[in-house]
Protein backbone atom coordinates (compact mmCIF):
# COMPACT_ATOMS: atom_id res chain seq x y z
CA MET A 1 22.51 7.55 13.39
CA SER A 2 21.71 10.95 12.89
CA THR A 3 21.66 12.32 8.99
CA CYS A 4 24.17 14.81 10.06
CA ASP A 5 26.66 12.82 11.65
CA SER A 6 30.21 14.31 11.29
CA LEU A 7 31.55 10.58 11.12
CA THR A 8 29.84 9.59 8.10
CA LYS A 9 31.51 9.06 4.87
CA GLY A 10 30.79 7.44 1.57
CA LEU A 11 32.94 5.06 -1.19
CA ILE A 12 31.08 4.95 -4.63
CA VAL A 13 32.43 2.02 -6.46
CA SER A 14 31.69 2.23 -10.12
CA PHE A 15 31.44 -0.79 -12.80
CA ASP A 16 31.32 1.25 -16.31
CA GLY A 17 28.72 -0.71 -18.35
CA LEU A 18 27.73 -3.80 -16.04
CA ARG A 19 24.45 -5.07 -16.45
CA PRO A 20 22.81 -5.65 -13.62
CA ASP A 21 21.41 -8.88 -14.69
CA LEU A 22 25.05 -10.39 -14.88
CA ILE A 23 25.76 -9.91 -11.16
CA SER A 24 25.39 -13.53 -10.02
CA PRO A 25 27.35 -15.88 -7.12
CA GLU A 26 29.52 -17.74 -9.55
CA LEU A 27 30.38 -14.28 -11.20
CA THR A 28 30.43 -11.97 -8.90
CA PRO A 29 30.24 -13.41 -5.21
CA ASN A 30 31.62 -9.75 -3.73
CA LEU A 31 29.15 -7.52 -5.56
CA CYS A 32 26.42 -10.41 -3.91
CA ARG A 33 28.65 -10.05 -0.71
CA LEU A 34 27.46 -6.48 -0.79
CA GLN A 35 24.06 -7.33 -1.31
CA SER A 36 23.71 -9.56 1.70
CA LEU A 37 24.56 -6.44 3.61
CA GLY A 38 23.07 -3.66 2.37
CA VAL A 39 19.91 -2.73 -0.17
CA THR A 40 19.61 -3.64 -3.69
CA LEU A 41 17.84 -1.43 -6.06
CA SER A 42 16.17 -3.38 -8.24
CA ASN A 43 14.12 -1.09 -10.70
CA HIS A 44 17.27 1.10 -11.00
CA ARG A 45 18.12 3.04 -13.95
CA THR A 46 20.61 6.02 -15.26
CA VAL A 47 19.65 8.97 -17.53
CA TYR A 48 18.83 9.44 -21.41
CA PRO A 49 21.55 9.30 -23.57
CA SER A 50 22.92 6.12 -21.64
CA GLU A 51 26.03 7.63 -22.98
CA THR A 52 28.90 7.61 -19.89
CA ARG A 53 29.58 11.01 -19.90
CA SER A 54 26.09 11.85 -19.85
CA ALA A 55 25.49 9.77 -16.97
CA PHE A 56 28.38 10.01 -14.89
CA PRO A 57 27.92 13.65 -14.91
CA SER A 58 24.52 13.29 -13.96
CA PHE A 59 25.45 11.11 -11.22
CA VAL A 60 27.40 14.20 -10.11
CA THR A 61 25.69 16.53 -10.15
CA GLY A 62 22.55 14.80 -8.70
CA ALA A 63 20.77 16.11 -12.37
CA THR A 64 19.57 15.33 -15.61
CA THR A 65 21.28 16.25 -18.85
CA GLY A 66 19.38 18.94 -19.39
CA ARG A 67 20.26 20.35 -16.59
CA HIS A 68 24.26 19.75 -16.44
CA GLY A 69 25.13 20.33 -20.21
CA MET A 70 26.92 16.99 -21.15
CA VAL A 71 24.62 16.02 -23.84
CA GLY A 72 26.41 12.94 -25.15
CA ASN A 73 30.15 11.67 -24.94
CA LYS A 74 30.62 13.86 -27.97
CA TYR A 75 28.43 17.46 -28.86
CA VAL A 76 28.75 20.33 -31.26
CA ASP A 77 29.45 23.97 -29.46
CA ARG A 78 27.79 26.64 -30.87
CA SER A 79 28.58 28.87 -28.09
CA VAL A 80 31.69 29.75 -30.59
CA SER A 81 31.86 30.86 -34.06
CA PRO A 82 32.22 28.84 -36.16
CA SER A 83 31.11 26.09 -34.30
CA ARG A 84 32.84 23.06 -32.85
CA TYR A 85 33.19 19.61 -32.13
CA ILE A 86 34.20 18.53 -29.17
CA ASP A 87 35.32 14.86 -27.63
CA THR A 88 34.91 14.80 -24.11
CA ALA A 89 37.15 11.91 -23.13
CA ASP A 90 39.78 15.26 -23.48
CA ALA A 91 40.83 15.84 -20.10
CA VAL A 92 43.01 18.55 -21.41
CA LEU A 93 40.05 19.76 -23.42
CA LEU A 94 37.48 19.66 -21.03
CA ARG A 95 40.08 22.04 -18.51
CA ARG A 96 40.36 24.38 -21.04
CA LEU A 97 36.59 24.44 -21.89
CA ASP A 98 36.09 25.14 -18.08
CA LEU A 99 38.58 28.06 -17.58
CA GLU A 100 37.37 29.53 -20.97
CA SER A 101 33.55 29.33 -19.88
CA GLY A 102 34.44 31.10 -16.26
CA GLY A 103 33.54 28.00 -14.85
CA ARG A 104 30.71 26.86 -16.39
CA LEU A 105 31.93 23.78 -18.34
CA MET A 106 29.18 22.26 -16.17
CA SER A 107 25.50 23.59 -15.89
CA ALA A 108 24.77 22.60 -12.17
CA PRO A 109 27.35 22.36 -9.16
CA THR A 110 29.11 18.92 -9.06
CA LEU A 111 29.75 17.00 -5.69
CA GLY A 112 33.20 18.18 -5.69
CA GLU A 113 32.38 21.44 -6.06
CA ILE A 114 29.23 21.32 -2.96
CA LEU A 115 31.48 18.86 -1.04
CA ALA A 116 34.22 21.77 -1.08
CA SER A 117 31.86 24.68 -0.11
CA ALA A 118 31.40 22.66 2.88
CA GLY A 119 34.55 22.28 3.83
CA ARG A 120 34.45 18.73 2.85
CA SER A 121 36.58 16.72 0.52
CA LEU A 122 35.80 14.19 -3.11
CA ALA A 123 38.83 11.70 -3.86
CA VAL A 124 38.41 10.40 -7.39
CA LEU A 125 40.20 7.45 -8.31
CA ALA A 126 39.25 6.00 -12.00
CA THR A 127 40.24 3.70 -15.04
CA ASN A 128 37.92 5.37 -17.45
CA THR A 129 39.05 7.64 -19.82
CA PRO A 130 40.91 10.75 -19.14
CA GLY A 131 37.84 12.79 -19.75
CA THR A 132 35.36 10.82 -17.82
CA THR A 133 37.79 10.81 -15.00
CA ARG A 134 37.98 14.43 -14.94
CA PHE A 135 34.03 14.58 -14.91
CA PHE A 136 33.61 13.02 -11.22
CA HIS A 137 35.23 16.13 -10.19
CA HIS A 138 36.49 18.15 -12.71
CA LYS A 139 37.46 21.03 -10.80
CA ALA A 140 39.67 19.02 -8.08
CA GLU A 141 42.78 21.16 -8.45
CA ASP A 142 40.54 24.00 -7.45
CA PHE A 143 39.85 22.48 -4.14
CA GLY A 144 43.61 21.01 -3.57
CA HIS A 145 41.31 17.58 -3.82
CA VAL A 146 42.75 14.12 -5.18
CA ARG A 147 41.81 12.99 -8.26
CA LEU A 148 43.71 9.85 -10.04
CA SER A 149 43.85 8.06 -13.08
CA GLY A 150 44.64 4.35 -13.43
CA HIS A 151 46.36 5.30 -16.36
CA PHE A 152 46.49 9.10 -17.70
CA ARG A 153 48.64 11.74 -15.71
CA GLU A 154 47.20 14.60 -17.66
CA ALA A 155 43.76 13.56 -14.96
CA CYS A 156 45.59 13.28 -12.01
CA THR A 157 46.28 16.20 -9.39
CA PRO A 158 47.97 16.55 -7.19
CA ASP A 159 51.55 16.05 -8.42
CA GLU A 160 52.72 15.11 -5.18
CA VAL A 161 49.75 12.26 -4.20
CA LEU A 162 50.27 10.81 -7.87
CA ALA A 163 54.14 10.81 -6.88
CA GLU A 164 53.22 8.83 -3.04
CA ALA A 165 50.77 6.63 -5.02
CA GLU A 166 53.62 5.46 -7.88
CA ALA A 167 56.00 5.04 -5.37
CA ARG A 168 54.01 2.79 -2.90
CA VAL A 169 52.32 0.90 -5.64
CA GLY A 170 54.35 1.15 -8.67
CA ALA A 171 54.12 3.41 -11.65
CA LEU A 172 51.09 3.92 -13.48
CA PRO A 173 50.18 1.35 -15.77
CA PRO A 174 49.97 2.45 -19.68
CA GLU A 175 46.51 1.88 -21.19
CA PRO A 176 45.95 -1.54 -22.53
CA PRO A 177 44.90 -1.55 -26.28
CA LYS A 178 41.39 -1.87 -26.40
CA VAL A 179 41.02 -5.54 -27.52
CA GLU A 180 42.87 -6.16 -24.13
CA PRO A 181 40.53 -6.43 -21.24
CA ASP A 182 42.11 -3.79 -18.18
CA THR A 183 43.51 -5.70 -15.53
CA ALA A 184 46.42 -3.39 -14.32
CA GLY A 185 44.70 -0.41 -14.04
CA GLN A 186 41.83 -1.89 -11.57
CA ASP A 187 44.30 -3.29 -9.49
CA TRP A 188 45.87 0.07 -9.07
CA ILE A 189 43.78 2.27 -8.37
CA THR A 190 42.33 -0.31 -5.71
CA SER A 191 45.38 -0.35 -4.19
CA ALA A 192 45.92 3.52 -4.26
CA PHE A 193 42.94 4.02 -2.27
CA LEU A 194 43.98 1.47 0.01
CA GLU A 195 47.88 2.15 0.72
CA VAL A 196 47.84 5.69 0.04
CA VAL A 197 44.22 7.36 -0.23
CA TRP A 198 42.20 6.56 2.44
CA PRO A 199 45.01 6.10 5.18
CA LYS A 200 46.49 9.35 4.46
CA TYR A 201 43.73 11.71 3.15
CA ARG A 202 40.40 10.15 4.25
CA PRO A 203 38.32 11.72 2.04
CA ASP A 204 34.73 12.49 2.95
CA VAL A 205 33.81 10.88 -0.22
CA THR A 206 35.69 8.81 -2.69
CA ILE A 207 34.64 7.67 -5.84
CA LEU A 208 36.48 4.75 -7.54
CA SER A 209 35.98 4.04 -10.84
CA TYR A 210 36.53 0.62 -12.55
CA GLY A 211 36.20 1.36 -16.44
CA GLU A 212 35.28 -2.10 -17.09
CA PRO A 213 33.82 -4.31 -18.49
CA ASP A 214 32.51 -1.77 -21.05
CA VAL A 215 35.19 -1.34 -23.08
CA THR A 216 35.59 -5.30 -23.41
CA SER A 217 32.19 -5.65 -24.16
CA HIS A 218 32.42 -3.14 -26.53
CA PHE A 219 35.31 -4.81 -28.49
CA HIS A 220 34.41 -8.46 -27.24
CA GLY A 221 30.74 -8.73 -26.46
CA THR A 222 28.45 -8.27 -23.64
CA GLY A 223 28.30 -12.24 -22.45
CA ALA A 224 31.76 -13.24 -23.98
CA LEU A 225 34.22 -15.09 -22.21
CA PRO A 226 37.12 -11.98 -21.89
CA THR A 227 33.74 -9.92 -20.63
CA ARG A 228 33.15 -12.20 -18.23
CA GLY A 229 36.84 -12.40 -16.97
CA ILE A 230 37.01 -8.76 -16.51
CA ILE A 231 33.99 -8.39 -14.88
CA ALA A 232 35.29 -11.47 -12.39
CA HIS A 233 38.43 -9.14 -12.08
CA CYS A 234 37.04 -6.22 -11.25
CA ASP A 235 34.74 -8.22 -8.77
CA ARG A 236 38.04 -9.43 -7.00
CA GLN A 237 39.11 -5.94 -6.53
CA PHE A 238 35.78 -4.66 -5.17
CA GLY A 239 36.44 -7.79 -2.52
CA ARG A 240 39.61 -5.95 -1.38
CA LEU A 241 37.51 -3.14 -1.00
CA LEU A 242 35.01 -4.89 0.68
CA ASP A 243 36.98 -6.75 3.37
CA TRP A 244 38.36 -3.36 4.14
CA TRP A 245 35.32 -2.09 4.71
CA GLU A 246 34.27 -4.90 6.82
CA VAL A 247 37.27 -4.60 8.99
CA GLU A 248 38.15 -0.53 9.31
CA GLY A 249 35.40 1.27 6.63
CA HIS A 250 32.27 0.83 7.96
CA ALA A 251 33.10 1.39 11.81
CA ALA A 252 34.71 4.34 10.35
CA GLY A 253 31.36 5.20 9.36
CA VAL A 254 31.70 4.62 5.48
CA GLN A 255 28.91 4.17 3.55
CA ILE A 256 29.45 2.17 0.85
CA VAL A 257 27.56 2.16 -3.46
CA ALA A 258 27.89 0.09 -5.84
CA ILE A 259 26.97 1.28 -8.86
CA SER A 260 27.20 1.17 -12.92
CA ASP A 261 26.33 4.04 -15.60
CA HIS A 262 24.53 2.06 -17.88
CA GLY A 263 24.20 -1.92 -19.53
CA HIS A 264 25.06 -2.75 -22.92
CA ILE A 265 22.72 -4.26 -25.80
CA THR A 266 24.26 -6.23 -28.54
CA GLY A 267 24.63 -4.65 -32.30
CA HIS A 268 22.83 -7.16 -34.81
CA THR A 269 22.77 -4.82 -37.87
CA ARG A 270 25.61 -2.08 -39.09
CA VAL A 271 23.74 0.69 -40.80
CA PHE A 272 25.81 3.60 -42.28
CA VAL A 273 23.26 7.01 -41.31
CA ALA A 274 26.03 9.48 -43.36
CA ASP A 275 24.89 7.46 -46.46
CA ASN A 276 21.19 7.62 -45.84
CA LEU A 277 21.11 11.34 -45.01
CA ARG A 278 23.02 11.84 -48.55
CA ASP A 279 20.90 9.89 -50.30
CA ALA A 280 18.09 12.23 -49.07
CA GLY A 281 19.75 14.73 -50.16
CA PHE A 282 21.41 16.07 -46.83
CA ARG A 283 25.37 17.10 -47.27
CA PRO A 284 26.62 15.16 -44.05
CA GLY A 285 29.73 14.91 -41.92
CA THR A 286 31.24 14.56 -38.79
CA THR A 287 32.63 17.89 -38.00
CA PRO A 288 31.30 21.46 -39.20
CA ALA A 289 32.19 22.69 -42.23
CA PRO A 290 31.23 25.21 -44.63
CA ASP A 291 29.98 22.14 -47.00
CA VAL A 292 28.17 20.57 -44.42
CA ASP A 293 24.81 20.95 -43.54
CA VAL A 294 24.04 18.17 -41.28
CA VAL A 295 26.23 16.90 -38.38
CA VAL A 296 26.21 13.42 -37.70
CA VAL A 297 27.96 12.87 -34.18
CA PRO A 298 30.02 9.71 -33.71
CA GLY A 299 27.91 7.36 -31.48
CA GLN A 300 25.13 4.77 -30.87
CA VAL A 301 23.17 7.98 -29.71
CA GLY A 302 21.81 9.78 -32.80
CA ALA A 303 22.98 13.49 -32.54
CA LEU A 304 22.29 15.52 -35.93
CA TYR A 305 23.53 19.40 -35.77
CA LEU A 306 22.02 21.49 -38.18
CA ALA A 307 23.40 24.38 -40.29
CA ASP A 308 19.96 25.83 -41.07
CA ARG A 309 18.04 25.09 -37.50
CA SER A 310 14.51 26.13 -39.02
CA GLU A 311 11.42 24.03 -38.12
CA LYS A 312 11.34 23.41 -42.10
CA GLN A 313 14.72 21.88 -42.05
CA ILE A 314 14.42 20.07 -38.95
CA ALA A 315 11.29 18.45 -40.06
CA ARG A 316 12.93 17.45 -43.36
CA LEU A 317 15.89 15.74 -41.41
CA VAL A 318 12.80 13.81 -39.19
CA ALA A 319 10.91 12.64 -42.14
CA ALA A 320 13.88 11.25 -43.94
CA ILE A 321 15.23 9.27 -41.18
CA THR A 322 11.84 7.92 -39.68
CA ARG A 323 11.55 6.32 -42.96
CA ALA A 324 14.77 4.04 -41.94
CA PRO A 325 14.28 0.85 -40.78
CA TRP A 326 16.98 1.87 -38.19
CA CYS A 327 15.36 4.38 -36.57
CA GLY A 328 14.22 4.57 -33.09
CA PRO A 329 12.88 6.99 -31.20
CA VAL A 330 12.96 10.89 -32.25
CA PHE A 331 13.37 14.13 -30.39
CA THR A 332 13.66 17.45 -31.21
CA ARG A 333 12.96 20.92 -29.20
CA ALA A 334 9.45 21.20 -28.05
CA LYS A 335 6.80 22.61 -29.85
CA ASN A 336 3.90 21.76 -26.88
CA GLU A 337 4.12 19.85 -23.55
CA THR A 338 4.73 16.76 -25.72
CA GLU A 339 5.42 16.98 -29.28
CA GLY A 340 8.64 18.04 -31.11
CA VAL A 341 8.87 20.77 -33.50
CA ALA A 342 9.23 18.18 -36.29
CA PRO A 343 6.13 16.12 -37.11
CA GLY A 344 6.70 12.57 -35.77
CA SER A 345 9.08 13.84 -32.59
CA LEU A 346 8.92 14.12 -29.42
CA GLY A 347 9.94 16.82 -27.23
CA ASN A 348 13.75 16.34 -25.50
CA HIS A 349 12.59 17.62 -22.41
CA LEU A 350 10.35 14.54 -22.15
CA VAL A 351 13.71 12.87 -21.80
CA PHE A 352 15.31 15.84 -19.92
CA ALA A 353 17.62 16.50 -22.74
CA ASP A 354 16.59 19.88 -23.41
CA HIS A 355 19.98 21.71 -23.21
CA VAL A 356 21.21 24.31 -25.06
CA ARG A 357 24.13 22.29 -26.33
CA ALA A 358 21.29 19.64 -27.21
CA PRO A 359 21.30 18.53 -30.83
CA ASP A 360 18.41 19.42 -33.01
CA VAL A 361 17.31 16.16 -34.02
CA SER A 362 18.30 13.10 -31.48
CA PHE A 363 17.28 9.87 -31.95
CA CYS A 364 18.33 6.21 -30.55
CA PHE A 365 18.83 3.47 -33.01
CA ARG A 366 15.91 0.76 -33.03
CA ALA A 367 16.20 -1.81 -30.53
CA ASP A 368 14.46 -5.15 -30.02
CA ASP A 369 14.58 -8.07 -27.51
CA ARG A 370 16.08 -10.57 -29.30
CA VAL A 371 18.38 -12.75 -27.32
CA ASP A 372 22.21 -12.63 -28.52
CA PRO A 373 24.59 -15.53 -28.76
CA PHE A 374 25.58 -15.30 -24.87
CA GLY A 375 22.06 -15.50 -24.07
CA LEU A 376 21.46 -11.66 -22.84
CA ASP A 377 17.81 -10.30 -24.57
CA GLY A 378 18.37 -6.66 -26.22
CA GLY A 379 19.63 -6.11 -29.72
CA THR A 380 19.82 -2.86 -31.90
CA PHE A 381 20.98 -1.44 -35.34
CA TYR A 382 24.39 0.50 -34.90
CA ASP A 383 26.34 2.42 -37.08
CA ASN A 384 30.25 2.14 -36.20
CA ASN A 385 33.04 0.21 -37.88
CA ARG A 386 32.89 -2.99 -35.69
CA ARG A 387 31.71 -6.38 -36.47
CA THR A 388 28.11 -7.22 -35.30
CA GLY A 389 27.94 -9.45 -31.79
CA LEU A 390 29.56 -6.45 -29.77
CA GLY A 391 28.29 -4.39 -27.13
CA VAL A 392 26.74 -0.74 -27.50
CA HIS A 393 24.74 1.51 -25.42
CA GLY A 394 23.02 5.39 -25.51
CA GLY A 395 19.65 4.41 -26.46
CA LEU A 396 16.80 3.37 -24.88
CA HIS A 397 16.25 -0.06 -24.28
CA PRO A 398 15.42 -1.11 -20.89
CA LYS A 399 18.82 -3.20 -20.61
CA GLU A 400 20.73 0.28 -21.56
CA LEU A 401 18.76 2.19 -19.11
CA ALA A 402 19.38 -0.53 -16.60
CA ALA A 403 22.05 0.51 -14.02
CA LEU A 404 23.53 -1.08 -10.75
CA GLY A 405 22.76 0.23 -7.53
CA ILE A 406 23.57 -1.62 -4.43
CA ILE A 407 23.93 0.67 -0.74
CA ALA A 408 25.12 -0.74 2.41
CA GLY A 409 26.50 1.31 5.75
CA SER A 410 24.97 1.70 8.88
CA ALA A 411 23.01 4.69 7.57
CA VAL A 412 20.95 1.74 5.68
CA SER A 413 17.28 0.14 7.12
CA ALA A 414 17.37 -3.89 6.31
CA GLN A 415 20.49 -5.79 5.19
CA GLY A 416 19.86 -7.77 2.71
CA SER A 417 16.90 -6.54 1.42
CA VAL A 418 15.31 -5.26 -2.14
CA SER A 419 13.96 -1.63 -3.23
CA ALA A 420 11.80 -2.04 -6.19
CA ILE A 421 10.83 1.49 -6.11
CA PRO A 422 12.20 3.08 -8.65
CA SER A 423 15.42 5.25 -8.23
CA GLY A 424 18.08 6.45 -10.89
CA ILE A 425 21.41 7.54 -10.72
CA CYS A 426 20.23 11.32 -10.34
CA ASP A 427 19.52 9.98 -6.56
CA PHE A 428 22.99 9.15 -5.22
CA ALA A 429 24.32 12.60 -5.15
CA PRO A 430 21.22 13.89 -2.74
CA THR A 431 21.41 10.76 -0.92
CA ILE A 432 25.13 11.41 0.13
CA LEU A 433 24.64 14.94 0.71
CA HIS A 434 21.49 14.32 3.15
CA LEU A 435 23.93 11.82 5.07
CA LEU A 436 26.55 14.16 5.52
CA GLY A 437 24.08 16.60 6.40
CA ILE A 438 24.63 19.33 3.45
CA ALA A 439 21.64 20.52 1.85
CA GLN A 440 21.62 20.00 -1.80
CA PRO A 441 21.13 22.70 -4.22
CA GLU A 442 18.21 23.19 -6.33
CA THR A 443 19.45 22.10 -9.65
CA MET A 444 19.34 18.61 -8.78
CA THR A 445 16.54 16.56 -9.96
CA GLY A 446 17.04 13.49 -8.40
CA ARG A 447 15.70 12.48 -4.78
CA ILE A 448 16.67 11.20 -1.46
CA LEU A 449 16.34 7.58 -1.28
CA HIS A 450 14.64 7.63 1.86
CA GLU A 451 13.10 4.41 1.53
CA VAL A 452 16.70 2.66 2.20
CA LEU A 453 17.39 4.72 5.01
CA LYS A 454 17.20 3.86 8.48
CA THR A 455 16.17 7.46 9.39
CA GLY A 456 13.66 7.67 6.10
CA ASN A 457 9.99 7.83 5.80
CA LYS A 458 8.49 4.36 5.08
CA GLY A 459 5.00 5.80 4.74
CA VAL A 460 3.31 4.93 1.46
CA ILE A 461 5.06 6.01 -1.53
CA ASP A 462 3.04 7.41 -4.83
CA VAL A 463 4.77 5.65 -7.96
CA CYS A 464 2.49 6.29 -11.30
CA SER A 465 3.45 5.50 -15.01
CA GLU A 466 2.78 7.38 -18.16
CA ALA A 467 3.21 6.79 -21.68
CA PHE A 468 3.97 9.39 -24.86
CA ASP A 469 3.15 8.93 -28.58
CA ALA A 470 4.19 9.92 -32.00
CA ARG A 471 3.58 8.97 -35.53
CA LEU A 472 5.02 9.97 -39.08
CA GLY A 473 3.34 7.66 -41.50
CA SER A 474 4.05 4.43 -40.62
CA PHE A 475 6.42 5.52 -37.96
CA LYS A 476 5.13 5.24 -34.43
CA GLN A 477 7.44 5.85 -31.44
CA VAL A 478 6.69 5.38 -27.68
CA LEU A 479 8.49 6.96 -24.62
CA HIS A 480 7.64 5.46 -21.41
CA ARG A 481 8.19 7.19 -17.97
CA VAL A 482 7.55 6.37 -14.60
CA HIS A 483 6.96 8.87 -11.43
CA VAL A 484 7.66 8.56 -7.73
CA GLY A 485 6.39 11.35 -5.89
CA ALA A 486 7.64 14.63 -7.78
CA VAL A 487 10.59 12.92 -9.68
CA THR A 488 10.47 11.13 -13.32
CA TYR A 489 12.39 8.38 -14.45
CA VAL A 490 12.43 7.41 -18.08
CA ARG A 491 11.59 3.41 -18.11
CA GLY A 492 12.30 2.86 -22.16
CA GLY A 493 10.97 3.78 -25.73
CA THR A 494 10.51 1.81 -28.68
CA ALA A 495 9.59 2.45 -32.62
CA GLU A 496 7.90 0.93 -35.01
CA GLY A 497 7.27 1.02 -38.83
């Protein structure tokens, strides 16, 4: 098949927060069936921060956080005065921000925009938050493309397609309480694709995103029975898609990809970052205010925004947090090719998070390899109001960065094979565009996954590793990266002392 075959289409199915090591014949027989039909990316990872609304923008832009600008699930917007706190879960707010900025909410073009400029279409069906659903194609209404949420009308467009789907499949189910696994939403978007979106609209590329098992992991634990139950349920819905693909989709030129945006580790020790900063003489708050000198953005990845952004104040802040036992790797704006401007910190460019929206100090909570009660490795300090033993993510532990990647279809080389060559979430968009015969923009930092394609170069691929470290007193951090040709992936980061 030519890489510019006009019959090529794509279906990308995402399982939010699914750890690849939870894939098994017993729990996920349909994902295992896809593995037997395609290629598994066994050394696949997401971006830093390993948060949903940084990772999925990386997926659709093919670019790291520093390129697309979604620096976290929440951030402080300093482009206006006074600065404002932004929660990207809000789809209506994201639309307003994009319009206010003249279409520059994202600092890099997205897959939907690129496809539209080439006369192609992208459809989205998702059960994630309204904001995440919009991020998959934040300009869908501008191009008349389909974007359907399994719960939230404000994230749906066009109205007539939603009406068709509700007439055929049933009314949008309400979002369940966070403590209840979301089964109805996954069923609805699967049926909407199979019964309405594909038969009538035949999008060139479809993103279908199950918002689980992420939420259930956050409220029950990554290996808990309810979480395993919703993983199995999502796998059954995926089985409906795979049945369709084997009967119809494969013959129609659809390449099918299964992904996740990040993994989870287990929170074992609750801490209070704001209290620690207050004890160190700072005046912390969760939103910008006249009496706040450091905004502590809520989340599992630490994002600290200073009112006084001087190097002296940044150094004072880094010195305060690195004395705490919960502090993991720390990043500030670059001083040189390696160091950040504060002693003990690394430059945030090393984790590709150097955007104008980036916090003055970002940090991971210190993580370790302890085994949780469910037999899963990876534990960490955390700062939220939930009990210990629950799933968290955002940092640089390898299990947080580990992500699912399986590709099958007529363009893929050997069925049932495994590729151990490092790859990442930014690589899917360039690969999809390559298969559609569309040039990728220079903003993309990902690479075409030639090694899994029939038409790809099967020569030797140069892979090499590197490490960076920084110290302050007894605190030491180490960042690990790996290069595949000209593309660099973050492998993980640790801290001690």
